PDB file of all heavy atoms in Angstrom:
ATOM      1  N   ILE A   1       9.226  -1.761  11.410  1.00  0.00           N
ATOM      2  CA  ILE A   1      10.505  -2.268  10.925  1.00  0.00           C
ATOM      3  C   ILE A   1      10.256  -3.673  10.398  1.00  0.00           C
ATOM      4  O   ILE A   1       9.694  -4.519  11.100  1.00  0.00           O
ATOM      5  CB  ILE A   1      11.553  -2.267  12.060  1.00  0.00           C
ATOM      6  CG1 ILE A   1      11.784  -0.821  12.528  1.00  0.00           C
ATOM      7  CG2 ILE A   1      12.848  -2.930  11.607  1.00  0.00           C
ATOM      8  CD1 ILE A   1      12.584  -0.712  13.799  1.00  0.00           C
ATOM      9  N   LEU A   2      10.635  -3.927   9.176  1.00  0.00           N
ATOM     10  CA  LEU A   2      10.333  -5.192   8.516  1.00  0.00           C
ATOM     11  C   LEU A   2      10.827  -6.388   9.322  1.00  0.00           C
ATOM     12  O   LEU A   2      10.116  -7.378   9.479  1.00  0.00           O
ATOM     13  CB  LEU A   2      10.914  -5.205   7.101  1.00  0.00           C
ATOM     14  CG  LEU A   2      10.593  -6.414   6.244  1.00  0.00           C
ATOM     15  CD1 LEU A   2       9.085  -6.610   6.104  1.00  0.00           C
ATOM     16  CD2 LEU A   2      11.228  -6.268   4.882  1.00  0.00           C
ATOM     17  N   SER A   3      12.031  -6.311   9.866  1.00  0.00           N
ATOM     18  CA  SER A   3      12.575  -7.455  10.611  1.00  0.00           C
ATOM     19  C   SER A   3      11.777  -7.739  11.884  1.00  0.00           C
ATOM     20  O   SER A   3      11.794  -8.859  12.387  1.00  0.00           O
ATOM     21  CB  SER A   3      14.047  -7.222  10.956  1.00  0.00           C
ATOM     22  OG  SER A   3      14.183  -6.109  11.813  1.00  0.00           O
ATOM     23  N   GLU A   4      11.061  -6.746  12.390  1.00  0.00           N
ATOM     24  CA  GLU A   4      10.241  -6.940  13.592  1.00  0.00           C
ATOM     25  C   GLU A   4       8.800  -7.293  13.251  1.00  0.00           C
ATOM     26  O   GLU A   4       8.025  -7.637  14.139  1.00  0.00           O
ATOM     27  CB  GLU A   4      10.270  -5.668  14.442  1.00  0.00           C
ATOM     28  CG  GLU A   4      11.639  -5.356  14.999  1.00  0.00           C
ATOM     29  CD  GLU A   4      11.700  -4.025  15.718  1.00  0.00           C
ATOM     30  OE1 GLU A   4      10.644  -3.368  15.881  1.00  0.00           O
ATOM     31  OE2 GLU A   4      12.807  -3.633  16.119  1.00  0.00           O
ATOM     32  N   SER A   5       8.421  -7.203  11.990  1.00  0.00           N
ATOM     33  CA  SER A   5       7.057  -7.502  11.530  1.00  0.00           C
ATOM     34  C   SER A   5       7.122  -8.370  10.273  1.00  0.00           C
ATOM     35  O   SER A   5       6.725  -7.947   9.194  1.00  0.00           O
ATOM     36  CB  SER A   5       6.313  -6.203  11.230  1.00  0.00           C
ATOM     37  OG  SER A   5       6.237  -5.378  12.346  1.00  0.00           O
ATOM     38  N   PRO A   6       7.600  -9.599  10.398  1.00  0.00           N
ATOM     39  CA  PRO A   6       7.815 -10.420   9.202  1.00  0.00           C
ATOM     40  C   PRO A   6       6.542 -10.734   8.414  1.00  0.00           C
ATOM     41  O   PRO A   6       6.627 -10.999   7.221  1.00  0.00           O
ATOM     42  CB  PRO A   6       8.453 -11.703   9.756  1.00  0.00           C
ATOM     43  CG  PRO A   6       8.097 -11.727  11.199  1.00  0.00           C
ATOM     44  CD  PRO A   6       7.964 -10.298  11.622  1.00  0.00           C
ATOM     45  N   ASN A   7       5.383 -10.688   9.038  1.00  0.00           N
ATOM     46  CA  ASN A   7       4.128 -10.982   8.340  1.00  0.00           C
ATOM     47  C   ASN A   7       3.555  -9.768   7.609  1.00  0.00           C
ATOM     48  O   ASN A   7       2.551  -9.879   6.915  1.00  0.00           O
ATOM     49  CB  ASN A   7       3.088 -11.524   9.326  1.00  0.00           C
ATOM     50  CG  ASN A   7       3.544 -12.806   9.971  1.00  0.00           C
ATOM     51  OD1 ASN A   7       4.258 -13.591   9.350  1.00  0.00           O
ATOM     52  ND2 ASN A   7       3.161 -13.022  11.207  1.00  0.00           N
ATOM     53  N   MET A   8       4.202  -8.627   7.766  1.00  0.00           N
ATOM     54  CA  MET A   8       3.705  -7.393   7.174  1.00  0.00           C
ATOM     55  C   MET A   8       3.664  -7.461   5.647  1.00  0.00           C
ATOM     56  O   MET A   8       2.682  -7.027   5.035  1.00  0.00           O
ATOM     57  CB  MET A   8       4.570  -6.214   7.624  1.00  0.00           C
ATOM     58  CG  MET A   8       4.162  -4.874   7.062  1.00  0.00           C
ATOM     59  SD  MET A   8       5.096  -3.518   7.769  1.00  0.00           S
ATOM     60  CE  MET A   8       6.778  -3.994   7.456  1.00  0.00           C
ATOM     61  N   VAL A   9       4.668  -7.990   5.019  1.00  0.00           N
ATOM     62  CA  VAL A   9       4.710  -8.031   3.556  1.00  0.00           C
ATOM     63  C   VAL A   9       3.534  -8.838   3.022  1.00  0.00           C
ATOM     64  O   VAL A   9       2.845  -8.415   2.084  1.00  0.00           O
ATOM     65  CB  VAL A   9       6.053  -8.574   3.034  1.00  0.00           C
ATOM     66  CG1 VAL A   9       6.012  -8.768   1.523  1.00  0.00           C
ATOM     67  CG2 VAL A   9       7.189  -7.637   3.409  1.00  0.00           C
ATOM     68  N   ALA A  10       3.259  -9.985   3.627  1.00  0.00           N
ATOM     69  CA  ALA A  10       2.133 -10.809   3.179  1.00  0.00           C
ATOM     70  C   ALA A  10       0.807 -10.072   3.364  1.00  0.00           C
ATOM     71  O   ALA A  10      -0.065 -10.120   2.483  1.00  0.00           O
ATOM     72  CB  ALA A  10       2.108 -12.136   3.934  1.00  0.00           C
ATOM     73  N   ALA A  11       0.650  -9.377   4.483  1.00  0.00           N
ATOM     74  CA  ALA A  11      -0.586  -8.612   4.714  1.00  0.00           C
ATOM     75  C   ALA A  11      -0.744  -7.530   3.652  1.00  0.00           C
ATOM     76  O   ALA A  11      -1.840  -7.346   3.101  1.00  0.00           O
ATOM     77  CB  ALA A  11      -0.564  -7.992   6.115  1.00  0.00           C
ATOM     78  N   PHE A  12       0.339  -6.826   3.338  1.00  0.00           N
ATOM     79  CA  PHE A  12       0.275  -5.770   2.328  1.00  0.00           C
ATOM     80  C   PHE A  12       0.050  -6.354   0.936  1.00  0.00           C
ATOM     81  O   PHE A  12      -0.635  -5.754   0.113  1.00  0.00           O
ATOM     82  CB  PHE A  12       1.536  -4.910   2.356  1.00  0.00           C
ATOM     83  CG  PHE A  12       1.665  -4.023   3.577  1.00  0.00           C
ATOM     84  CD1 PHE A  12       2.802  -3.255   3.769  1.00  0.00           C
ATOM     85  CD2 PHE A  12       0.676  -3.946   4.543  1.00  0.00           C
ATOM     86  CE1 PHE A  12       2.943  -2.428   4.874  1.00  0.00           C
ATOM     87  CE2 PHE A  12       0.805  -3.127   5.657  1.00  0.00           C
ATOM     88  CZ  PHE A  12       1.947  -2.369   5.820  1.00  0.00           C
ATOM     89  N   GLN A  13       0.607  -7.548   0.663  1.00  0.00           N
ATOM     90  CA  GLN A  13       0.351  -8.199  -0.622  1.00  0.00           C
ATOM     91  C   GLN A  13      -1.139  -8.509  -0.771  1.00  0.00           C
ATOM     92  O   GLN A  13      -1.706  -8.307  -1.842  1.00  0.00           O
ATOM     93  CB  GLN A  13       1.158  -9.498  -0.739  1.00  0.00           C
ATOM     94  CG  GLN A  13       2.609  -9.278  -1.047  1.00  0.00           C
ATOM     95  CD  GLN A  13       3.383 -10.583  -1.055  1.00  0.00           C
ATOM     96  OE1 GLN A  13       3.217 -11.440  -0.196  1.00  0.00           O
ATOM     97  NE2 GLN A  13       4.259 -10.715  -2.043  1.00  0.00           N
ATOM     98  N   HIS A  14      -1.761  -8.984   0.288  1.00  0.00           N
ATOM     99  CA  HIS A  14      -3.209  -9.230   0.249  1.00  0.00           C
ATOM    100  C   HIS A  14      -3.963  -7.926   0.012  1.00  0.00           C
ATOM    101  O   HIS A  14      -4.945  -7.902  -0.743  1.00  0.00           O
ATOM    102  CB  HIS A  14      -3.691  -9.888   1.537  1.00  0.00           C
ATOM    103  CG  HIS A  14      -3.252 -11.301   1.705  1.00  0.00           C
ATOM    104  ND1 HIS A  14      -3.612 -12.312   0.838  1.00  0.00           N
ATOM    105  CD2 HIS A  14      -2.476 -11.886   2.649  1.00  0.00           C
ATOM    106  CE1 HIS A  14      -3.074 -13.443   1.238  1.00  0.00           C
ATOM    107  NE2 HIS A  14      -2.374 -13.219   2.338  1.00  0.00           N
ATOM    108  N   ALA A  15      -3.518  -6.852   0.651  1.00  0.00           N
ATOM    109  CA  ALA A  15      -4.198  -5.558   0.518  1.00  0.00           C
ATOM    110  C   ALA A  15      -4.159  -5.055  -0.922  1.00  0.00           C
ATOM    111  O   ALA A  15      -5.170  -4.594  -1.449  1.00  0.00           O
ATOM    112  CB  ALA A  15      -3.577  -4.527   1.460  1.00  0.00           C
ATOM    113  N   VAL A  16      -3.019  -5.145  -1.573  1.00  0.00           N
ATOM    114  CA  VAL A  16      -2.906  -4.632  -2.940  1.00  0.00           C
ATOM    115  C   VAL A  16      -3.465  -5.611  -3.970  1.00  0.00           C
ATOM    116  O   VAL A  16      -3.764  -5.222  -5.096  1.00  0.00           O
ATOM    117  CB  VAL A  16      -1.450  -4.249  -3.323  1.00  0.00           C
ATOM    118  CG1 VAL A  16      -0.886  -3.219  -2.367  1.00  0.00           C
ATOM    119  CG2 VAL A  16      -0.551  -5.461  -3.416  1.00  0.00           C
ATOM    120  N   GLY A  17      -3.634  -6.877  -3.575  1.00  0.00           N
ATOM    121  CA  GLY A  17      -4.042  -7.921  -4.508  1.00  0.00           C
ATOM    122  C   GLY A  17      -5.331  -7.648  -5.250  1.00  0.00           C
ATOM    123  O   GLY A  17      -5.470  -8.009  -6.412  1.00  0.00           O
ATOM    124  N   GLY A  18      -6.284  -7.013  -4.605  1.00  0.00           N
ATOM    125  CA  GLY A  18      -7.556  -6.714  -5.266  1.00  0.00           C
ATOM    126  C   GLY A  18      -7.757  -5.243  -5.538  1.00  0.00           C
ATOM    127  O   GLY A  18      -8.882  -4.809  -5.814  1.00  0.00           O
ATOM    128  N   ALA A  19      -6.694  -4.465  -5.461  1.00  0.00           N
ATOM    129  CA  ALA A  19      -6.814  -3.009  -5.562  1.00  0.00           C
ATOM    130  C   ALA A  19      -6.392  -2.483  -6.924  1.00  0.00           C
ATOM    131  O   ALA A  19      -5.509  -3.035  -7.576  1.00  0.00           O
ATOM    132  CB  ALA A  19      -5.965  -2.345  -4.484  1.00  0.00           C
ATOM    133  N   GLN A  20      -7.041  -1.402  -7.334  1.00  0.00           N
ATOM    134  CA  GLN A  20      -6.580  -0.597  -8.457  1.00  0.00           C
ATOM    135  C   GLN A  20      -5.624   0.431  -7.864  1.00  0.00           C
ATOM    136  O   GLN A  20      -5.948   1.062  -6.852  1.00  0.00           O
ATOM    137  CB  GLN A  20      -7.746   0.091  -9.139  1.00  0.00           C
ATOM    138  CG  GLN A  20      -8.736  -0.859  -9.762  1.00  0.00           C
ATOM    139  CD  GLN A  20      -9.953  -0.132 -10.291  1.00  0.00           C
ATOM    140  OE1 GLN A  20      -9.939   1.074 -10.515  1.00  0.00           O
ATOM    141  NE2 GLN A  20     -11.032  -0.872 -10.493  1.00  0.00           N
ATOM    142  N   CYS A  21      -4.463   0.599  -8.474  1.00  0.00           N
ATOM    143  CA  CYS A  21      -3.402   1.392  -7.862  1.00  0.00           C
ATOM    144  C   CYS A  21      -2.961   2.528  -8.787  1.00  0.00           C
ATOM    145  O   CYS A  21      -2.806   2.311  -9.992  1.00  0.00           O
ATOM    146  CB  CYS A  21      -2.215   0.487  -7.533  1.00  0.00           C
ATOM    147  SG  CYS A  21      -2.682  -0.988  -6.588  1.00  0.00           S
ATOM    148  N   TYR A  22      -2.741   3.699  -8.183  1.00  0.00           N
ATOM    149  CA  TYR A  22      -2.397   4.896  -8.950  1.00  0.00           C
ATOM    150  C   TYR A  22      -1.367   5.729  -8.188  1.00  0.00           C
ATOM    151  O   TYR A  22      -1.338   5.728  -6.957  1.00  0.00           O
ATOM    152  CB  TYR A  22      -3.630   5.777  -9.174  1.00  0.00           C
ATOM    153  CG  TYR A  22      -4.772   5.081  -9.856  1.00  0.00           C
ATOM    154  CD1 TYR A  22      -5.747   4.415  -9.123  1.00  0.00           C
ATOM    155  CD2 TYR A  22      -4.879   5.085 -11.253  1.00  0.00           C
ATOM    156  CE1 TYR A  22      -6.803   3.776  -9.752  1.00  0.00           C
ATOM    157  CE2 TYR A  22      -5.933   4.442 -11.883  1.00  0.00           C
ATOM    158  CZ  TYR A  22      -6.896   3.790 -11.130  1.00  0.00           C
ATOM    159  OH  TYR A  22      -7.930   3.154 -11.757  1.00  0.00           O
ATOM    160  N   VAL A  23      -0.558   6.465  -8.943  1.00  0.00           N
ATOM    161  CA  VAL A  23       0.330   7.479  -8.382  1.00  0.00           C
ATOM    162  C   VAL A  23       0.172   8.739  -9.223  1.00  0.00           C
ATOM    163  O   VAL A  23      -0.253   8.675 -10.378  1.00  0.00           O
ATOM    164  CB  VAL A  23       1.819   7.047  -8.370  1.00  0.00           C
ATOM    165  CG1 VAL A  23       2.019   5.825  -7.493  1.00  0.00           C
ATOM    166  CG2 VAL A  23       2.336   6.809  -9.761  1.00  0.00           C
ATOM    167  N   GLY A  24       0.513   9.878  -8.605  1.00  0.00           N
ATOM    168  CA  GLY A  24       0.443  11.107  -9.380  1.00  0.00           C
ATOM    169  C   GLY A  24       0.552  12.346  -8.540  1.00  0.00           C
ATOM    170  O   GLY A  24       1.030  12.315  -7.405  1.00  0.00           O
ATOM    171  N   ARG A  25       0.081  13.434  -9.160  1.00  0.00           N
ATOM    172  CA  ARG A  25       0.153  14.766  -8.554  1.00  0.00           C
ATOM    173  C   ARG A  25      -1.231  15.382  -8.552  1.00  0.00           C
ATOM    174  O   ARG A  25      -2.033  15.115  -9.431  1.00  0.00           O
ATOM    175  CB  ARG A  25       1.097  15.635  -9.364  1.00  0.00           C
ATOM    176  CG  ARG A  25       2.468  15.044  -9.528  1.00  0.00           C
ATOM    177  CD  ARG A  25       3.217  15.768 -10.592  1.00  0.00           C
ATOM    178  NE  ARG A  25       4.287  16.522  -9.970  1.00  0.00           N
ATOM    179  CZ  ARG A  25       5.090  17.339 -10.602  1.00  0.00           C
ATOM    180  NH1 ARG A  25       4.931  17.540 -11.887  1.00  0.00           N
ATOM    181  NH2 ARG A  25       6.026  17.976  -9.979  1.00  0.00           N
ATOM    182  N   ARG A  26      -1.426  16.247  -7.580  1.00  0.00           N
ATOM    183  CA  ARG A  26      -2.717  16.918  -7.462  1.00  0.00           C
ATOM    184  C   ARG A  26      -2.534  18.310  -6.878  1.00  0.00           C
ATOM    185  O   ARG A  26      -1.529  18.609  -6.246  1.00  0.00           O
ATOM    186  CB  ARG A  26      -3.651  16.120  -6.569  1.00  0.00           C
ATOM    187  CG  ARG A  26      -3.206  16.152  -5.107  1.00  0.00           C
ATOM    188  CD  ARG A  26      -4.327  15.788  -4.180  1.00  0.00           C
ATOM    189  NE  ARG A  26      -3.963  15.908  -2.788  1.00  0.00           N
ATOM    190  CZ  ARG A  26      -4.242  16.947  -2.014  1.00  0.00           C
ATOM    191  NH1 ARG A  26      -4.871  17.982  -2.489  1.00  0.00           N
ATOM    192  NH2 ARG A  26      -3.895  16.945  -0.745  1.00  0.00           N
ATOM    193  N   SER A  27      -3.570  19.130  -7.084  1.00  0.00           N
ATOM    194  CA  SER A  27      -3.583  20.444  -6.442  1.00  0.00           C
ATOM    195  C   SER A  27      -4.578  20.385  -5.287  1.00  0.00           C
ATOM    196  O   SER A  27      -4.566  19.446  -4.505  1.00  0.00           O
ATOM    197  CB  SER A  27      -3.905  21.539  -7.462  1.00  0.00           C
ATOM    198  OG  SER A  27      -5.201  21.321  -8.009  1.00  0.00           O
ATOM    199  N   GLU A  28      -5.458  21.349  -5.180  1.00  0.00           N
ATOM    200  CA  GLU A  28      -6.353  21.478  -4.030  1.00  0.00           C
ATOM    201  C   GLU A  28      -7.314  20.301  -3.884  1.00  0.00           C
ATOM    202  O   GLU A  28      -7.707  19.669  -4.858  1.00  0.00           O
ATOM    203  CB  GLU A  28      -7.110  22.800  -4.117  1.00  0.00           C
ATOM    204  CG  GLU A  28      -6.210  24.026  -4.117  1.00  0.00           C
ATOM    205  CD  GLU A  28      -5.248  24.100  -2.922  1.00  0.00           C
ATOM    206  OE1 GLU A  28      -5.612  23.683  -1.811  1.00  0.00           O
ATOM    207  OE2 GLU A  28      -4.121  24.572  -3.117  1.00  0.00           O
ATOM    208  N   ALA A  29      -7.720  20.049  -2.639  1.00  0.00           N
ATOM    209  CA  ALA A  29      -8.508  18.863  -2.298  1.00  0.00           C
ATOM    210  C   ALA A  29      -9.858  18.817  -3.002  1.00  0.00           C
ATOM    211  O   ALA A  29     -10.264  17.748  -3.459  1.00  0.00           O
ATOM    212  CB  ALA A  29      -8.701  18.781  -0.783  1.00  0.00           C
ATOM    213  N   ASP A  30     -10.564  19.940  -3.114  1.00  0.00           N
ATOM    214  CA  ASP A  30     -11.904  19.892  -3.716  1.00  0.00           C
ATOM    215  C   ASP A  30     -11.836  19.431  -5.167  1.00  0.00           C
ATOM    216  O   ASP A  30     -12.590  18.565  -5.594  1.00  0.00           O
ATOM    217  CB  ASP A  30     -12.639  21.218  -3.574  1.00  0.00           C
ATOM    218  CG  ASP A  30     -11.912  22.399  -4.185  1.00  0.00           C
ATOM    219  OD1 ASP A  30     -10.688  22.312  -4.405  1.00  0.00           O
ATOM    220  OD2 ASP A  30     -12.576  23.418  -4.442  1.00  0.00           O
TER     221      ASP A  30
END
């Protein structure tokens, strides 16, 4: 819960800061 973890947003901002990010759809795992 965000109000109980106020530092979470900053931690997640650091995590995405150096990441390449994608969304989409997929079928089977292989």
